[in-house]
PDB file of all heavy atoms in Angstrom:
ATOM      1  N   SER A   1       2.474  -6.591 -26.102  1.00  0.00           N
ATOM      2  CA  SER A   1       2.878  -7.607 -25.071  1.00  0.00           C
ATOM      3  C   SER A   1       1.737  -7.890 -24.142  1.00  0.00           C
ATOM      4  O   SER A   1       1.831  -8.739 -23.379  1.00  0.00           O
ATOM      5  CB  SER A   1       4.094  -7.119 -24.422  1.00  0.00           C
ATOM      6  OG  SER A   1       3.736  -6.002 -23.504  1.00  0.00           O
ATOM      7  N   LYS A   2       0.594  -7.097 -24.307  1.00  0.00           N
ATOM      8  CA  LYS A   2      -0.482  -7.208 -23.267  1.00  0.00           C
ATOM      9  C   LYS A   2      -1.408  -8.307 -23.499  1.00  0.00           C
ATOM     10  O   LYS A   2      -2.184  -8.377 -24.351  1.00  0.00           O
ATOM     11  CB  LYS A   2      -1.236  -5.945 -23.284  1.00  0.00           C
ATOM     12  CG  LYS A   2      -0.488  -4.671 -22.910  1.00  0.00           C
ATOM     13  CD  LYS A   2       0.206  -4.628 -21.652  1.00  0.00           C
ATOM     14  CE  LYS A   2       0.873  -3.314 -21.440  1.00  0.00           C
ATOM     15  NZ  LYS A   2       1.713  -3.440 -20.082  1.00  0.00           N
ATOM     16  N   LEU A   3      -1.094  -9.434 -22.822  1.00  0.00           N
ATOM     17  CA  LEU A   3      -1.754 -10.637 -22.915  1.00  0.00           C
ATOM     18  C   LEU A   3      -3.312 -10.639 -22.792  1.00  0.00           C
ATOM     19  O   LEU A   3      -3.747  -9.954 -21.762  1.00  0.00           O
ATOM     20  CB  LEU A   3      -1.306 -11.839 -22.043  1.00  0.00           C
ATOM     21  CG  LEU A   3       0.092 -12.283 -22.279  1.00  0.00           C
ATOM     22  CD1 LEU A   3       0.819 -12.930 -21.009  1.00  0.00           C
ATOM     23  CD2 LEU A   3       0.120 -13.323 -23.425  1.00  0.00           C
ATOM     24  N   ASN A   4      -4.078 -11.000 -23.713  1.00  0.00           N
ATOM     25  CA  ASN A   4      -5.565 -11.221 -23.722  1.00  0.00           C
ATOM     26  C   ASN A   4      -6.159  -9.695 -23.522  1.00  0.00           C
ATOM     27  O   ASN A   4      -7.259  -9.809 -23.063  1.00  0.00           O
ATOM     28  CB  ASN A   4      -5.875 -12.111 -22.618  1.00  0.00           C
ATOM     29  CG  ASN A   4      -5.335 -13.524 -23.048  1.00  0.00           C
ATOM     30  OD1 ASN A   4      -5.575 -14.071 -24.085  1.00  0.00           O
ATOM     31  ND2 ASN A   4      -4.578 -14.006 -21.988  1.00  0.00           N
ATOM     32  N   SER A   5      -5.469  -8.752 -23.841  1.00  0.00           N
ATOM     33  CA  SER A   5      -6.018  -7.459 -23.660  1.00  0.00           C
ATOM     34  C   SER A   5      -7.140  -6.973 -24.796  1.00  0.00           C
ATOM     35  O   SER A   5      -7.940  -6.097 -24.612  1.00  0.00           O
ATOM     36  CB  SER A   5      -4.920  -6.292 -23.719  1.00  0.00           C
ATOM     37  OG  SER A   5      -4.167  -6.467 -24.792  1.00  0.00           O
ATOM     38  N   TYR A   6      -7.065  -7.667 -25.915  1.00  0.00           N
ATOM     39  CA  TYR A   6      -8.006  -7.630 -26.966  1.00  0.00           C
ATOM     40  C   TYR A   6      -8.566  -9.010 -27.333  1.00  0.00           C
ATOM     41  O   TYR A   6      -8.100  -9.593 -28.282  1.00  0.00           O
ATOM     42  CB  TYR A   6      -7.426  -6.907 -28.184  1.00  0.00           C
ATOM     43  CG  TYR A   6      -7.160  -5.407 -28.002  1.00  0.00           C
ATOM     44  CD1 TYR A   6      -6.022  -4.930 -27.400  1.00  0.00           C
ATOM     45  CD2 TYR A   6      -8.159  -4.472 -28.377  1.00  0.00           C
ATOM     46  CE1 TYR A   6      -5.675  -3.607 -27.238  1.00  0.00           C
ATOM     47  CE2 TYR A   6      -7.831  -3.046 -28.106  1.00  0.00           C
ATOM     48  CZ  TYR A   6      -6.705  -2.632 -27.570  1.00  0.00           C
ATOM     49  OH  TYR A   6      -6.460  -1.361 -27.387  1.00  0.00           O
ATOM     50  N   PRO A   7      -9.522  -9.594 -26.536  1.00  0.00           N
ATOM     51  CA  PRO A   7      -9.952 -10.931 -26.691  1.00  0.00           C
ATOM     52  C   PRO A   7     -10.978 -11.220 -27.796  1.00  0.00           C
ATOM     53  O   PRO A   7     -11.873 -11.899 -27.720  1.00  0.00           O
ATOM     54  CB  PRO A   7     -10.557 -11.218 -25.307  1.00  0.00           C
ATOM     55  CG  PRO A   7     -11.036  -9.903 -24.830  1.00  0.00           C
ATOM     56  CD  PRO A   7     -10.091  -8.857 -25.329  1.00  0.00           C
ATOM     57  N   ALA A   8     -10.587 -10.526 -28.962  1.00  0.00           N
ATOM     58  CA  ALA A   8     -11.445 -10.742 -30.231  1.00  0.00           C
ATOM     59  C   ALA A   8     -10.868 -11.873 -31.042  1.00  0.00           C
ATOM     60  O   ALA A   8      -9.743 -12.222 -30.794  1.00  0.00           O
ATOM     61  CB  ALA A   8     -11.556  -9.475 -30.815  1.00  0.00           C
ATOM     62  N   LEU A   9     -11.582 -12.100 -32.032  1.00  0.00           N
ATOM     63  CA  LEU A   9     -11.018 -13.264 -32.959  1.00  0.00           C
ATOM     64  C   LEU A   9     -11.259 -12.732 -34.458  1.00  0.00           C
ATOM     65  O   LEU A   9     -12.274 -12.981 -35.096  1.00  0.00           O
ATOM     66  CB  LEU A   9     -11.837 -14.605 -32.643  1.00  0.00           C
ATOM     67  CG  LEU A   9     -11.168 -15.820 -33.440  1.00  0.00           C
ATOM     68  CD1 LEU A   9      -9.774 -15.972 -32.822  1.00  0.00           C
ATOM     69  CD2 LEU A   9     -12.022 -16.978 -33.274  1.00  0.00           C
ATOM     70  N   PRO A  10     -10.258 -12.069 -34.942  1.00  0.00           N
ATOM     71  CA  PRO A  10     -10.350 -11.765 -36.406  1.00  0.00           C
ATOM     72  C   PRO A  10     -10.257 -13.027 -37.322  1.00  0.00           C
ATOM     73  O   PRO A  10      -9.468 -13.948 -36.953  1.00  0.00           O
ATOM     74  CB  PRO A  10      -8.954 -10.937 -36.719  1.00  0.00           C
ATOM     75  CG  PRO A  10      -8.710 -10.348 -35.102  1.00  0.00           C
ATOM     76  CD  PRO A  10      -9.016 -11.498 -34.345  1.00  0.00           C
ATOM     77  N   MET A  11     -11.016 -13.056 -38.212  1.00  0.00           N
ATOM     78  CA  MET A  11     -11.135 -14.206 -39.190  1.00  0.00           C
ATOM     79  C   MET A  11     -11.071 -13.744 -40.659  1.00  0.00           C
ATOM     80  O   MET A  11     -11.688 -12.739 -41.036  1.00  0.00           O
ATOM     81  CB  MET A  11     -12.502 -15.015 -38.928  1.00  0.00           C
ATOM     82  CG  MET A  11     -12.686 -16.124 -39.849  1.00  0.00           C
ATOM     83  SD  MET A  11     -14.216 -17.222 -39.339  1.00  0.00           S
ATOM     84  CE  MET A  11     -13.616 -17.994 -37.940  1.00  0.00           C
ATOM     85  N   TYR A  12     -10.333 -14.487 -41.442  1.00  0.00           N
ATOM     86  CA  TYR A  12     -10.129 -14.205 -42.836  1.00  0.00           C
ATOM     87  C   TYR A  12     -11.049 -15.181 -43.697  1.00  0.00           C
ATOM     88  O   TYR A  12     -10.897 -16.347 -43.511  1.00  0.00           O
ATOM     89  CB  TYR A  12      -8.720 -14.371 -43.270  1.00  0.00           C
ATOM     90  CG  TYR A  12      -8.426 -14.129 -44.627  1.00  0.00           C
ATOM     91  CD1 TYR A  12      -8.773 -13.052 -45.316  1.00  0.00           C
ATOM     92  CD2 TYR A  12      -7.586 -15.128 -45.432  1.00  0.00           C
ATOM     93  CE1 TYR A  12      -8.386 -12.824 -46.707  1.00  0.00           C
ATOM     94  CE2 TYR A  12      -7.262 -14.883 -46.662  1.00  0.00           C
ATOM     95  CZ  TYR A  12      -7.666 -13.796 -47.322  1.00  0.00           C
ATOM     96  OH  TYR A  12      -7.364 -13.581 -48.658  1.00  0.00           O
ATOM     97  N   GLN A  13     -11.870 -14.527 -44.490  1.00  0.00           N
ATOM     98  CA  GLN A  13     -12.821 -15.431 -45.171  1.00  0.00           C
ATOM     99  C   GLN A  13     -13.328 -14.650 -46.400  1.00  0.00           C
ATOM    100  O   GLN A  13     -13.698 -13.287 -46.328  1.00  0.00           O
ATOM    101  CB  GLN A  13     -14.048 -15.623 -44.298  1.00  0.00           C
ATOM    102  CG  GLN A  13     -15.159 -16.657 -44.903  1.00  0.00           C
ATOM    103  CD  GLN A  13     -16.176 -16.977 -43.838  1.00  0.00           C
ATOM    104  OE1 GLN A  13     -15.799 -17.571 -42.879  1.00  0.00           O
ATOM    105  NE2 GLN A  13     -17.441 -16.474 -44.165  1.00  0.00           N
ATOM    106  N   ASN A  14     -13.262 -15.270 -47.503  1.00  0.00           N
ATOM    107  CA  ASN A  14     -13.734 -14.595 -48.771  1.00  0.00           C
ATOM    108  C   ASN A  14     -13.091 -13.260 -49.174  1.00  0.00           C
ATOM    109  O   ASN A  14     -13.750 -12.313 -49.598  1.00  0.00           O
ATOM    110  CB  ASN A  14     -15.218 -14.429 -48.750  1.00  0.00           C
ATOM    111  CG  ASN A  14     -15.973 -15.770 -48.663  1.00  0.00           C
ATOM    112  OD1 ASN A  14     -15.563 -16.703 -49.290  1.00  0.00           O
ATOM    113  ND2 ASN A  14     -17.099 -15.760 -47.871  1.00  0.00           N
ATOM    114  N   GLY A  15     -11.767 -13.185 -48.797  1.00  0.00           N
ATOM    115  CA  GLY A  15     -11.043 -12.107 -49.067  1.00  0.00           C
ATOM    116  C   GLY A  15     -11.136 -10.901 -48.125  1.00  0.00           C
ATOM    117  O   GLY A  15     -10.527  -9.873 -48.350  1.00  0.00           O
ATOM    118  N   LEU A  16     -11.946 -11.118 -46.913  1.00  0.00           N
ATOM    119  CA  LEU A  16     -12.064 -10.072 -46.039  1.00  0.00           C
ATOM    120  C   LEU A  16     -11.622 -10.496 -44.637  1.00  0.00           C
ATOM    121  O   LEU A  16     -11.802 -11.855 -44.353  1.00  0.00           O
ATOM    122  CB  LEU A  16     -13.607  -9.601 -45.929  1.00  0.00           C
ATOM    123  CG  LEU A  16     -14.192  -9.035 -47.298  1.00  0.00           C
ATOM    124  CD1 LEU A  16     -15.652  -8.901 -47.042  1.00  0.00           C
ATOM    125  CD2 LEU A  16     -13.421  -7.760 -47.740  1.00  0.00           C
ATOM    126  N   ILE A  17     -11.322  -9.573 -43.794  1.00  0.00           N
ATOM    127  CA  ILE A  17     -11.133  -9.952 -42.395  1.00  0.00           C
ATOM    128  C   ILE A  17     -12.061  -9.193 -41.518  1.00  0.00           C
ATOM    129  O   ILE A  17     -12.137  -7.969 -41.668  1.00  0.00           O
ATOM    130  CB  ILE A  17      -9.633  -9.479 -42.001  1.00  0.00           C
ATOM    131  CG1 ILE A  17      -8.466 -10.192 -42.828  1.00  0.00           C
ATOM    132  CG2 ILE A  17      -9.405  -9.888 -40.463  1.00  0.00           C
ATOM    133  CD1 ILE A  17      -7.081  -9.649 -42.602  1.00  0.00           C
ATOM    134  N   LYS A  18     -12.837  -9.997 -40.791  1.00  0.00           N
ATOM    135  CA  LYS A  18     -13.821  -9.400 -39.856  1.00  0.00           C
ATOM    136  C   LYS A  18     -13.761 -10.137 -38.555  1.00  0.00           C
ATOM    137  O   LYS A  18     -13.169 -11.180 -38.444  1.00  0.00           O
ATOM    138  CB  LYS A  18     -15.295  -9.455 -40.377  1.00  0.00           C
ATOM    139  CG  LYS A  18     -15.485  -8.800 -41.768  1.00  0.00           C
ATOM    140  CD  LYS A  18     -16.884  -9.036 -42.208  1.00  0.00           C
ATOM    141  CE  LYS A  18     -17.220  -8.468 -43.550  1.00  0.00           C
ATOM    142  NZ  LYS A  18     -18.632  -8.570 -43.961  1.00  0.00           N
ATOM    143  N   LEU A  19     -14.439  -9.557 -37.472  1.00  0.00           N
ATOM    144  CA  LEU A  19     -14.453 -10.356 -36.332  1.00  0.00           C
ATOM    145  C   LEU A  19     -15.208 -11.532 -36.581  1.00  0.00           C
ATOM    146  O   LEU A  19     -16.254 -11.579 -37.405  1.00  0.00           O
ATOM    147  CB  LEU A  19     -15.006  -9.579 -35.134  1.00  0.00           C
ATOM    148  CG  LEU A  19     -14.267  -8.369 -34.791  1.00  0.00           C
ATOM    149  CD1 LEU A  19     -14.883  -7.694 -33.633  1.00  0.00           C
ATOM    150  CD2 LEU A  19     -12.840  -8.890 -34.273  1.00  0.00           C
ATOM    151  N   LYS A  20     -14.989 -12.716 -35.942  1.00  0.00           N
ATOM    152  CA  LYS A  20     -15.872 -13.896 -36.110  1.00  0.00           C
ATOM    153  C   LYS A  20     -17.334 -13.653 -35.929  1.00  0.00           C
ATOM    154  O   LYS A  20     -18.111 -14.200 -36.569  1.00  0.00           O
ATOM    155  CB  LYS A  20     -15.360 -15.079 -35.123  1.00  0.00           C
ATOM    156  CG  LYS A  20     -16.020 -16.384 -35.285  1.00  0.00           C
ATOM    157  CD  LYS A  20     -15.473 -17.347 -34.277  1.00  0.00           C
ATOM    158  CE  LYS A  20     -16.116 -18.762 -34.595  1.00  0.00           C
ATOM    159  NZ  LYS A  20     -17.606 -18.767 -34.350  1.00  0.00           N
ATOM    160  N   GLU A  21     -17.619 -12.905 -34.930  1.00  0.00           N
ATOM    161  CA  GLU A  21     -19.168 -12.667 -34.644  1.00  0.00           C
ATOM    162  C   GLU A  21     -19.780 -12.003 -35.768  1.00  0.00           C
ATOM    163  O   GLU A  21     -20.976 -12.222 -36.075  1.00  0.00           O
ATOM    164  CB  GLU A  21     -19.167 -11.717 -33.381  1.00  0.00           C
ATOM    165  CG  GLU A  21     -18.861 -12.317 -31.998  1.00  0.00           C
ATOM    166  CD  GLU A  21     -17.309 -12.454 -31.854  1.00  0.00           C
ATOM    167  OE1 GLU A  21     -16.554 -11.857 -32.776  1.00  0.00           O
ATOM    168  OE2 GLU A  21     -16.883 -13.031 -30.823  1.00  0.00           O
ATOM    169  N   ALA A  22     -19.086 -11.204 -36.551  1.00  0.00           N
ATOM    170  CA  ALA A  22     -19.627 -10.513 -37.744  1.00  0.00           C
ATOM    171  C   ALA A  22     -19.996 -11.533 -38.810  1.00  0.00           C
ATOM    172  O   ALA A  22     -20.976 -11.481 -39.456  1.00  0.00           O
ATOM    173  CB  ALA A  22     -18.637  -9.369 -38.370  1.00  0.00           C
ATOM    174  N   PHE A  23     -19.010 -12.455 -39.053  1.00  0.00           N
ATOM    175  CA  PHE A  23     -19.196 -13.588 -40.069  1.00  0.00           C
ATOM    176  C   PHE A  23     -20.427 -14.488 -39.599  1.00  0.00           C
ATOM    177  O   PHE A  23     -21.241 -14.917 -40.441  1.00  0.00           O
ATOM    178  CB  PHE A  23     -18.049 -14.384 -40.281  1.00  0.00           C
ATOM    179  CG  PHE A  23     -16.981 -13.823 -41.083  1.00  0.00           C
ATOM    180  CD1 PHE A  23     -15.695 -13.537 -40.663  1.00  0.00           C
ATOM    181  CD2 PHE A  23     -17.330 -13.343 -42.456  1.00  0.00           C
ATOM    182  CE1 PHE A  23     -14.837 -12.879 -41.522  1.00  0.00           C
ATOM    183  CE2 PHE A  23     -16.373 -12.826 -43.298  1.00  0.00           C
ATOM    184  CZ  PHE A  23     -15.106 -12.589 -42.978  1.00  0.00           C
ATOM    185  N   ASP A  24     -20.369 -14.747 -38.183  1.00  0.00           N
ATOM    186  CA  ASP A  24     -21.432 -15.602 -37.784  1.00  0.00           C
ATOM    187  C   ASP A  24     -22.895 -14.892 -37.955  1.00  0.00           C
ATOM    188  O   ASP A  24     -23.910 -15.649 -38.386  1.00  0.00           O
ATOM    189  CB  ASP A  24     -21.243 -15.873 -36.176  1.00  0.00           C
ATOM    190  CG  ASP A  24     -20.154 -16.799 -36.015  1.00  0.00           C
ATOM    191  OD1 ASP A  24     -19.612 -17.447 -36.927  1.00  0.00           O
ATOM    192  OD2 ASP A  24     -19.672 -16.904 -34.857  1.00  0.00           O
ATOM    193  N   ALA A  25     -22.926 -13.610 -37.644  1.00  0.00           N
ATOM    194  CA  ALA A  25     -24.195 -12.863 -37.889  1.00  0.00           C
ATOM    195  C   ALA A  25     -24.574 -12.804 -39.322  1.00  0.00           C
ATOM    196  O   ALA A  25     -25.822 -13.017 -39.651  1.00  0.00           O
ATOM    197  CB  ALA A  25     -24.063 -11.456 -37.290  1.00  0.00           C
ATOM    198  N   GLU A  26     -23.682 -12.746 -40.148  1.00  0.00           N
ATOM    199  CA  GLU A  26     -23.977 -12.742 -41.670  1.00  0.00           C
ATOM    200  C   GLU A  26     -24.505 -14.162 -41.991  1.00  0.00           C
ATOM    201  O   GLU A  26     -25.443 -14.246 -42.844  1.00  0.00           O
ATOM    202  CB  GLU A  26     -22.780 -12.352 -42.533  1.00  0.00           C
ATOM    203  CG  GLU A  26     -22.346 -10.988 -42.310  1.00  0.00           C
ATOM    204  CD  GLU A  26     -21.046 -10.724 -43.090  1.00  0.00           C
ATOM    205  OE1 GLU A  26     -20.547 -11.521 -43.773  1.00  0.00           O
ATOM    206  OE2 GLU A  26     -20.557  -9.583 -43.019  1.00  0.00           O
ATOM    207  N   ALA A  27     -23.971 -15.239 -41.537  1.00  0.00           N
ATOM    208  CA  ALA A  27     -24.387 -16.496 -41.801  1.00  0.00           C
ATOM    209  C   ALA A  27     -25.757 -16.762 -41.333  1.00  0.00           C
ATOM    210  O   ALA A  27     -26.556 -17.274 -42.026  1.00  0.00           O
ATOM    211  CB  ALA A  27     -23.526 -17.524 -41.252  1.00  0.00           C
TER     212      ALA A  27
END
């Protein structure tokens, strides 16, 4: 219930879920 307590952005891509920053760094 804690609003915005984990302000990360999990992203699903190519069969994996990582933080958006991890995918951006790989790109």
